[in-house]
């Protein structure tokens, strides 16, 4: 994904500025990241746990919020903040009241608490 008029390009989940270019206008999800998040969203909808979502793209972070009902606060928020990539990781999973549930460098590991909600015990 290229940002020609912004003087930057998104490569591997990070924003790289071209020499002499301006700062990026916003952080976004790359195709694989968004596919992974929307796959989880679809399975949560099929399980009856989520019904709506919203995305927000700011200069320093991108977030995906999942709602049980549109009028409520998000049940989960997945945030990508590239500036934290070298520290605790650029991915953060927030709970319904804003508590940090998981941080990390790998999106799959950060989403694992939500994946566990989909697991069901099958009895014979």
Protein backbone atom coordinates (compact mmCIF):
# COMPACT_ATOMS: atom_id res chain seq x y z
CA UNK A 1 0.00 0.00 0.00
CA UNK A 2 1.62 3.25 -1.04
CA UNK A 3 0.92 6.76 0.13
CA UNK A 4 2.41 8.63 -2.82
CA UNK A 5 1.03 12.06 -1.95
CA UNK A 6 1.98 11.59 1.72
CA UNK A 7 5.63 10.79 1.05
CA UNK A 8 5.51 7.42 2.78
CA UNK A 9 4.80 3.75 2.20
CA UNK A 10 3.44 1.05 4.50
CA UNK A 11 5.65 -2.03 4.42
CA UNK A 12 5.30 -5.01 6.72
CA UNK A 13 2.99 -3.17 9.11
CA UNK A 14 5.28 -0.19 9.59
CA UNK A 15 5.21 3.24 8.01
CA UNK A 16 8.43 4.18 6.24
CA UNK A 17 8.93 7.81 5.25
CA UNK A 18 10.55 8.61 1.93
CA UNK A 19 13.58 10.91 2.11
CA UNK A 20 12.36 14.50 2.05
CA UNK A 21 8.76 13.29 2.51
CA UNK A 22 6.24 14.45 5.04
CA UNK A 23 5.07 12.53 8.09
CA UNK A 24 2.39 9.89 7.45
CA UNK A 25 -1.17 11.16 7.79
CA UNK A 26 -2.46 8.04 9.57
CA UNK A 27 -1.66 4.51 10.70
CA UNK A 28 -3.62 1.68 9.09
CA UNK A 29 -3.85 -2.10 8.97
CA UNK A 30 -2.18 -3.96 6.14
CA UNK A 31 -4.18 -6.53 4.18
CA UNK A 32 -3.05 -9.58 6.19
CA UNK A 33 -3.67 -7.86 9.53
CA UNK A 34 -7.14 -6.75 8.51
CA UNK A 35 -7.93 -10.20 7.11
CA UNK A 36 -6.90 -11.79 10.42
CA UNK A 37 -9.01 -9.35 12.46
CA UNK A 38 -12.07 -9.64 10.19
CA UNK A 39 -11.81 -13.45 10.22
CA UNK A 40 -12.02 -13.39 14.01
CA UNK A 41 -14.87 -10.86 13.82
CA UNK A 42 -16.85 -13.12 11.46
CA UNK A 43 -16.45 -16.13 13.74
CA UNK A 44 -17.50 -14.07 16.78
CA UNK A 45 -20.60 -12.87 14.88
CA UNK A 46 -21.44 -16.47 13.92
CA UNK A 47 -21.12 -17.44 17.61
CA UNK A 48 -23.54 -14.62 18.54
CA UNK A 49 -20.97 -12.70 20.60
CA UNK A 50 -20.50 -9.62 18.41
CA UNK A 51 -22.84 -7.73 16.10
CA UNK A 52 -21.09 -4.55 14.96
CA UNK A 53 -17.64 -3.04 14.55
CA UNK A 54 -15.91 0.29 14.00
CA UNK A 55 -12.43 1.24 12.83
CA UNK A 56 -10.49 4.39 13.62
CA UNK A 57 -7.31 5.52 11.88
CA UNK A 58 -5.30 8.28 13.53
CA UNK A 59 -1.79 9.67 13.02
CA UNK A 60 -0.28 7.50 15.77
CA UNK A 61 -2.61 4.47 16.01
CA UNK A 62 -5.24 2.38 14.23
CA UNK A 63 -7.96 0.61 16.17
CA UNK A 64 -10.68 -1.96 15.54
CA UNK A 65 -13.57 -2.00 18.02
CA UNK A 66 -16.06 -4.87 18.28
CA UNK A 67 -19.51 -4.35 19.78
CA UNK A 68 -22.12 -6.70 21.18
CA UNK A 69 -24.70 -4.02 20.39
CA UNK A 70 -24.08 -0.79 18.50
CA UNK A 71 -25.35 1.40 21.37
CA UNK A 72 -22.85 -0.04 23.88
CA UNK A 73 -19.17 0.57 24.50
CA UNK A 74 -16.89 -1.82 22.59
CA UNK A 75 -16.55 -5.30 24.06
CA UNK A 76 -13.00 -5.48 22.66
CA UNK A 77 -10.60 -3.02 21.04
CA UNK A 78 -7.57 -4.07 19.03
CA UNK A 79 -5.03 -1.28 18.65
CA UNK A 80 -1.95 -1.02 16.43
CA UNK A 81 0.55 1.61 17.59
CA UNK A 82 3.79 1.34 15.52
CA UNK A 83 5.69 3.73 17.82
CA UNK A 84 5.65 0.98 20.50
CA UNK A 85 7.05 -1.68 18.15
CA UNK A 86 10.50 -1.61 19.79
CA UNK A 87 9.14 -1.56 23.35
CA UNK A 88 6.25 -3.74 24.54
CA UNK A 89 4.94 -4.40 21.03
CA UNK A 90 2.73 -2.46 18.66
CA UNK A 91 -0.41 -4.58 19.28
CA UNK A 92 -2.70 -4.12 22.29
CA UNK A 93 -6.00 -5.80 23.17
CA UNK A 94 -8.26 -3.76 25.44
CA UNK A 95 -11.28 -5.11 27.33
CA UNK A 96 -14.74 -3.62 27.68
CA UNK A 97 -13.82 -1.12 30.40
CA UNK A 98 -10.50 -0.17 28.80
CA UNK A 99 -8.21 -2.54 30.69
CA UNK A 100 -5.21 -3.91 28.80
CA UNK A 101 -5.78 -7.65 28.31
CA UNK A 102 -2.72 -8.42 26.19
CA UNK A 103 0.21 -6.61 24.53
CA UNK A 104 2.70 -7.97 22.09
CA UNK A 105 4.63 -7.96 18.85
CA UNK A 106 2.52 -10.66 17.18
CA UNK A 107 -1.16 -10.06 16.30
CA UNK A 108 -2.10 -13.75 16.69
CA UNK A 109 -0.80 -13.88 20.26
CA UNK A 110 -2.61 -10.67 21.15
CA UNK A 111 -5.90 -12.05 19.77
CA UNK A 112 -5.60 -15.37 21.65
CA UNK A 113 -7.84 -14.36 24.61
CA UNK A 114 -10.65 -13.68 22.12
CA UNK A 115 -9.98 -16.95 20.29
CA UNK A 116 -10.43 -18.84 23.57
CA UNK A 117 -14.00 -17.52 23.82
CA UNK A 118 -14.80 -19.45 20.63
CA UNK A 119 -13.58 -22.79 21.94
CA UNK A 120 -16.33 -25.10 23.14
CA UNK A 121 -16.06 -28.41 24.90
CA UNK A 122 -17.61 -31.19 22.84
CA UNK A 123 -18.98 -34.11 24.81
CA UNK A 124 -19.92 -37.47 23.34
